[in-house]
Protein backbone atom coordinates (compact mmCIF):
# COMPACT_ATOMS: atom_id res chain seq x y z
CA UNK A 1 11.16 11.14 25.09
CA UNK A 2 8.93 11.86 22.01
CA UNK A 3 5.75 10.09 20.93
CA UNK A 4 6.02 6.70 22.52
CA UNK A 5 3.76 4.67 20.48
CA UNK A 6 2.30 4.63 16.95
CA UNK A 7 -1.26 4.31 17.58
CA UNK A 8 -2.70 4.28 14.17
CA UNK A 9 -3.15 0.60 12.90
CA UNK A 10 -1.17 0.26 9.42
CA UNK A 11 -0.54 -2.79 7.42
CA UNK A 12 3.22 -2.39 7.38
CA UNK A 13 5.50 -0.16 9.09
CA UNK A 14 9.17 0.37 8.30
CA UNK A 15 11.49 0.57 11.46
CA UNK A 16 15.06 2.01 11.43
CA UNK A 17 17.15 1.64 14.51
CA UNK A 18 19.35 4.39 14.84
CA UNK A 19 22.26 6.03 16.97
CA UNK A 20 24.15 8.84 15.42
CA UNK A 21 23.03 8.26 11.78
CA UNK A 22 22.74 11.77 10.34
CA UNK A 23 24.85 10.67 7.30
CA UNK A 24 22.52 7.92 6.24
CA UNK A 25 18.92 8.61 7.69
CA UNK A 26 17.43 10.88 5.02
CA UNK A 27 18.26 8.36 2.21
CA UNK A 28 17.26 5.52 4.16
CA UNK A 29 13.85 6.89 4.89
CA UNK A 30 13.44 7.93 1.21
CA UNK A 31 13.95 4.65 0.16
CA UNK A 32 11.04 3.51 2.52
CA UNK A 33 8.29 5.90 1.30
CA UNK A 34 6.29 2.65 -0.02
CA UNK A 35 5.70 1.72 3.61
CA UNK A 36 2.36 2.81 5.27
CA UNK A 37 4.51 4.45 8.12
CA UNK A 38 8.25 4.95 8.78
CA UNK A 39 9.31 4.72 12.52
CA UNK A 40 12.86 6.07 13.56
CA UNK A 41 13.47 4.12 16.86
CA UNK A 42 16.55 6.24 18.37
CA UNK A 43 19.06 5.51 20.97
CA UNK A 44 19.20 9.13 21.98
CA UNK A 45 21.45 10.31 19.41
CA UNK A 46 23.51 13.36 20.05
CA UNK A 47 23.80 14.46 16.35
CA UNK A 48 21.01 15.45 13.95
CA UNK A 49 19.47 12.04 13.34
CA UNK A 50 16.13 12.86 15.05
CA UNK A 51 16.02 16.30 13.52
CA UNK A 52 16.60 15.09 10.11
CA UNK A 53 14.22 12.07 10.62
CA UNK A 54 11.20 14.38 11.54
CA UNK A 55 12.16 16.86 8.64
CA UNK A 56 11.63 13.75 6.53
CA UNK A 57 8.30 13.06 7.74
CA UNK A 58 9.24 9.96 9.92
CA UNK A 59 7.73 9.21 13.17
CA UNK A 60 10.39 9.15 15.95
CA UNK A 61 10.58 7.31 19.45
CA UNK A 62 13.50 7.44 21.58
CA UNK A 63 14.32 4.37 23.76
CA UNK A 64 17.41 3.47 25.99
CA UNK A 65 19.68 0.70 24.56
CA UNK A 66 19.72 -2.37 26.56
CA UNK A 67 20.83 -4.81 23.60
CA UNK A 68 19.89 -5.21 20.02
CA UNK A 69 17.46 -7.70 20.78
CA UNK A 70 15.89 -5.91 23.42
CA UNK A 71 15.80 -2.75 21.45
CA UNK A 72 14.02 -4.51 18.52
CA UNK A 73 11.59 -6.05 20.88
CA UNK A 74 10.65 -2.63 22.15
CA UNK A 75 10.47 -1.33 18.56
CA UNK A 76 7.96 -4.31 18.03
CA UNK A 77 5.92 -3.09 21.03
CA UNK A 78 5.69 0.40 19.82
CA UNK A 79 3.64 -0.19 16.66
CA UNK A 80 0.30 -1.39 15.90
CA UNK A 81 0.91 -2.70 12.55
CA UNK A 82 0.28 -6.11 11.05
CA UNK A 83 3.70 -6.38 9.56
CA UNK A 84 7.11 -4.65 10.32
CA UNK A 85 10.15 -4.23 8.12
CA UNK A 86 13.39 -3.62 9.92
CA UNK A 87 15.94 -1.64 8.09
CA UNK A 88 19.37 -0.44 9.33
CA UNK A 89 20.27 3.28 8.49
CA UNK A 90 22.96 2.37 6.22
CA UNK A 91 20.64 -0.04 4.13
CA UNK A 92 18.36 1.16 1.18
CA UNK A 93 15.18 -0.48 -0.02
CA UNK A 94 14.83 -0.46 -3.90
CA UNK A 95 11.32 0.37 -5.48
CA UNK A 96 11.52 -3.35 -6.57
CA UNK A 97 11.89 -4.58 -3.09
CA UNK A 98 9.17 -2.39 -1.91
CA UNK A 99 6.70 -3.61 -4.45
CA UNK A 100 7.71 -7.24 -3.63
CA UNK A 101 7.01 -6.55 0.23
CA UNK A 102 3.47 -5.04 -0.50
CA UNK A 103 2.95 -8.23 -2.66
CA UNK A 104 4.07 -10.91 -0.39
CA UNK A 105 2.19 -9.73 2.83
CA UNK A 106 -1.01 -10.68 1.32
CA UNK A 107 0.45 -14.34 1.45
CA UNK A 108 -1.03 -15.83 4.82
CA UNK A 109 1.15 -19.00 4.52
CA UNK A 110 4.04 -17.13 6.05
CA UNK A 111 4.86 -15.21 9.10
CA UNK A 112 8.30 -13.88 8.07
CA UNK A 113 10.29 -13.24 5.09
CA UNK A 114 14.04 -13.49 4.70
CA UNK A 115 15.54 -10.44 2.54
CA UNK A 116 18.95 -11.05 0.66
CA UNK A 117 21.48 -8.17 0.80
CA UNK A 118 23.85 -6.72 -1.69
CA UNK A 119 27.06 -5.51 0.47
CA UNK A 120 28.94 -2.68 -0.77
CA UNK A 121 32.45 -2.74 1.06
CA UNK A 122 35.37 -0.69 0.46
CA UNK A 123 33.52 1.20 -2.39
CA UNK A 124 32.15 -1.71 -4.32
CA UNK A 125 29.71 -4.73 -4.34
CA UNK A 126 30.94 -7.93 -2.97
CA UNK A 127 29.19 -11.02 -4.19
CA UNK A 128 30.99 -13.82 -2.74
CA UNK A 129 33.37 -14.77 0.20
CA UNK A 130 30.24 -15.10 2.35
CA UNK A 131 28.65 -11.86 1.60
CA UNK A 132 25.87 -12.68 -0.64
CA UNK A 133 22.84 -13.62 -0.46
CA UNK A 134 23.55 -12.81 3.18
CA UNK A 135 19.72 -13.14 4.09
CA UNK A 136 18.35 -11.38 7.02
CA UNK A 137 14.75 -12.02 8.47
CA UNK A 138 13.51 -8.55 8.45
CA UNK A 139 10.01 -8.69 7.25
CA UNK A 140 7.80 -10.12 10.12
CA UNK A 141 4.28 -10.45 11.10
CA UNK A 142 4.45 -8.52 14.27
CA UNK A 143 2.38 -10.61 16.64
CA UNK A 144 4.34 -13.71 15.76
CA UNK A 145 7.74 -12.63 16.11
CA UNK A 146 10.32 -11.55 19.01
CA UNK A 147 14.07 -11.48 19.31
CA UNK A 148 15.92 -13.39 21.72
CA UNK A 149 17.00 -10.86 24.23
CA UNK A 150 19.91 -12.81 25.35
CA UNK A 151 21.84 -12.12 22.04
CA UNK A 152 23.90 -9.13 22.37
CA UNK A 153 24.67 -8.97 18.72
CA UNK A 154 23.81 -10.89 15.76
CA UNK A 155 20.12 -10.95 16.81
CA UNK A 156 18.04 -14.15 16.40
CA UNK A 157 14.21 -13.83 15.56
CA UNK A 158 12.11 -16.30 17.27
CA UNK A 159 9.32 -16.76 14.76
CA UNK A 160 6.03 -18.57 15.72
CA UNK A 161 5.44 -19.64 12.08
CA UNK A 162 7.20 -20.32 8.64
CA UNK A 163 9.39 -17.86 6.71
CA UNK A 164 9.70 -17.38 2.88
CA UNK A 165 12.43 -15.86 0.77
CA UNK A 166 12.25 -12.62 -1.01
CA UNK A 167 13.81 -12.14 -4.40
CA UNK A 168 14.78 -8.31 -4.48
CA UNK A 169 17.69 -7.44 -2.15
CA UNK A 170 18.45 -4.74 0.40
CA UNK A 171 21.29 -2.49 -0.58
CA UNK A 172 23.84 -2.42 2.41
CA UNK A 173 26.49 0.20 2.47
CA UNK A 174 28.61 -1.58 4.58
CA UNK A 175 32.16 -0.95 5.63
CA UNK A 176 33.70 1.83 3.82
CA UNK A 177 37.35 1.47 5.32
CA UNK A 178 39.63 -1.17 6.67
CA UNK A 179 39.66 0.81 10.06
CA UNK A 180 35.70 0.66 10.11
CA UNK A 181 36.00 -3.01 9.64
CA UNK A 182 38.40 -3.58 12.29
CA UNK A 183 36.84 -1.41 14.92
CA UNK A 184 33.45 -3.26 14.44
CA UNK A 185 34.97 -6.60 14.63
CA UNK A 186 36.89 -5.59 17.66
CA UNK A 187 33.41 -4.89 19.22
CA UNK A 188 32.19 -8.26 18.31
CA UNK A 189 35.38 -10.33 19.60
CA UNK A 190 34.43 -10.58 23.26
CA UNK A 191 30.98 -11.88 22.61
CA UNK A 192 32.27 -14.55 20.17
CA UNK A 193 34.83 -15.59 22.66
CA UNK A 194 32.33 -16.01 25.25
CA UNK A 195 30.33 -18.14 22.98
CA UNK A 196 33.29 -20.47 22.18
CA UNK A 197 33.98 -20.76 26.01
CA UNK A 198 30.38 -21.69 26.71
CA UNK A 199 30.72 -24.36 24.04
CA UNK A 200 33.78 -25.82 25.67
CA UNK A 201 36.32 -24.54 23.31
CA UNK A 202 39.68 -23.26 24.54
CA UNK A 203 42.54 -21.22 22.96
CA UNK A 204 45.02 -24.19 22.40
CA UNK A 205 48.26 -22.75 20.92
CA UNK A 206 47.86 -24.72 17.49
CA UNK A 207 44.40 -22.80 17.12
CA UNK A 208 46.14 -19.42 16.42
CA UNK A 209 47.34 -20.93 12.95
CA UNK A 210 44.86 -23.48 12.08
CA UNK A 211 41.62 -21.22 12.64
CA UNK A 212 42.92 -18.46 10.60
CA UNK A 213 44.24 -20.50 7.79
CA UNK A 214 40.79 -22.54 7.93
CA UNK A 215 38.69 -19.39 7.56
CA UNK A 216 40.90 -18.05 4.82
CA UNK A 217 40.36 -21.07 2.88
CA UNK A 218 36.77 -21.08 3.44
CA UNK A 219 36.17 -17.54 2.36
CA UNK A 220 38.56 -17.29 -0.43
CA UNK A 221 38.25 -20.69 -2.14
CA UNK A 222 35.18 -22.51 -0.95
CA UNK A 223 33.10 -19.27 -0.84
CA UNK A 224 34.84 -18.31 -4.03
CA UNK A 225 36.24 -14.72 -2.56
CA UNK A 226 38.64 -14.61 -5.38
CA UNK A 227 35.94 -13.69 -7.96
CA UNK A 228 35.76 -10.37 -6.00
CA UNK A 229 39.46 -9.58 -6.92
CA UNK A 230 41.26 -7.50 -4.47
CA UNK A 231 38.17 -6.88 -2.20
CA UNK A 232 37.55 -10.89 -1.87
CA UNK A 233 41.35 -11.30 -1.07
CA UNK A 234 41.41 -8.54 1.54
CA UNK A 235 38.12 -9.66 3.16
CA UNK A 236 39.23 -13.29 3.46
CA UNK A 237 42.43 -11.97 5.05
CA UNK A 238 40.65 -9.70 7.45
CA UNK A 239 38.11 -12.55 8.33
CA UNK A 240 41.15 -14.77 9.05
CA UNK A 241 42.70 -12.17 11.11
CA UNK A 242 39.68 -11.89 13.12
CA UNK A 243 39.93 -15.35 14.14
CA UNK A 244 43.41 -14.44 15.93
CA UNK A 245 41.68 -11.83 17.71
CA UNK A 246 38.77 -14.00 18.87
CA UNK A 247 41.26 -16.59 20.10
CA UNK A 248 43.34 -13.90 21.71
CA UNK A 249 40.21 -12.74 23.79
CA UNK A 250 39.33 -16.34 24.56
CA UNK A 251 42.88 -17.14 25.92
CA UNK A 252 42.39 -13.82 28.08
CA UNK A 253 39.12 -15.05 29.31
CA UNK A 254 40.46 -18.45 30.16
CA UNK A 255 43.34 -16.88 32.29
CA UNK A 256 40.66 -14.66 33.99
CA UNK A 257 38.62 -17.56 34.91
CA UNK A 258 41.57 -19.47 36.14
CA UNK A 259 42.60 -16.77 38.42
CA UNK A 260 39.06 -16.38 39.57
CA UNK A 261 39.06 -20.07 40.58
CA UNK A 262 42.45 -20.01 42.24
C-alpha cells in the first residue's frame, strides 16, 4: 500500500476510483486541475494506472475492493477535506464545471450537489432515452455524507442535509461498443434480479414479453429515444433485452430457492 491518508486539509479534493484505467486516467486527472488535490483511490490495478497517476502528480492510495459503496466510504475517510468531488476515470470535468464547483461550495445552504452528465455512447452523445440529464450526486460535504454499504452497484449517498443541482455537466465516455455494454449489463443482472425477488416479483412467463416491450416503449417513445437516431433505437432495444436477461436470472433464482426449500 502507498500513502494511506491525505493529511493536509483541503477545501475540495477530487477523488477517482480506479481499477485498470490506464487508458483514461491521465486525461481524467488533467480535467481536475482546478481541485485543491486529486486522489486516485485504486483497487490494486495491475496495469500502469498507478504509475501514470503519480506521473501526473495525483496522490495515490490503494485499497482492497469490498463493494462500490464501501470503497467510496473508505475514500471519504482517507481525506481531510471539507468537500469531495467523485469522478469516474472515464469522466471529464470541463473548466466550466470546475469553476461552478468552486463557486457553489461557498454556499452554506447545501451539503451536496447533483451533477448532470453528457453520455457519449457508441461514439456519439446521447441526449434522450433516459441518458440525460443523468444526475449524479458527486459533490459532497465530506462529514455530512456516507454511502449505503449494502448496495453492491448503483451506489446511494446517505446525505445529512439538502442537495442542490449544478448546471454544467460531466462528460462521460460511456460504452464504446455493444459488447462492452452487454458485458456490463450482465454484471448488473444478478443484483437487479435479487432486488426484484426481495420485492416479491416473480418471473411469470408473460413477463418475458411484457417487460421488454414496456421498457422499449418507455425508452424510445416516452423518453424520446427516437431523437437520437440509430443510437436511441439501439439503446432502447438493448435495454429491452436487458429485461429478458434479468427475468431469466430471476427465474433461475426462483428455481434455486425452490430446490433449497424442498
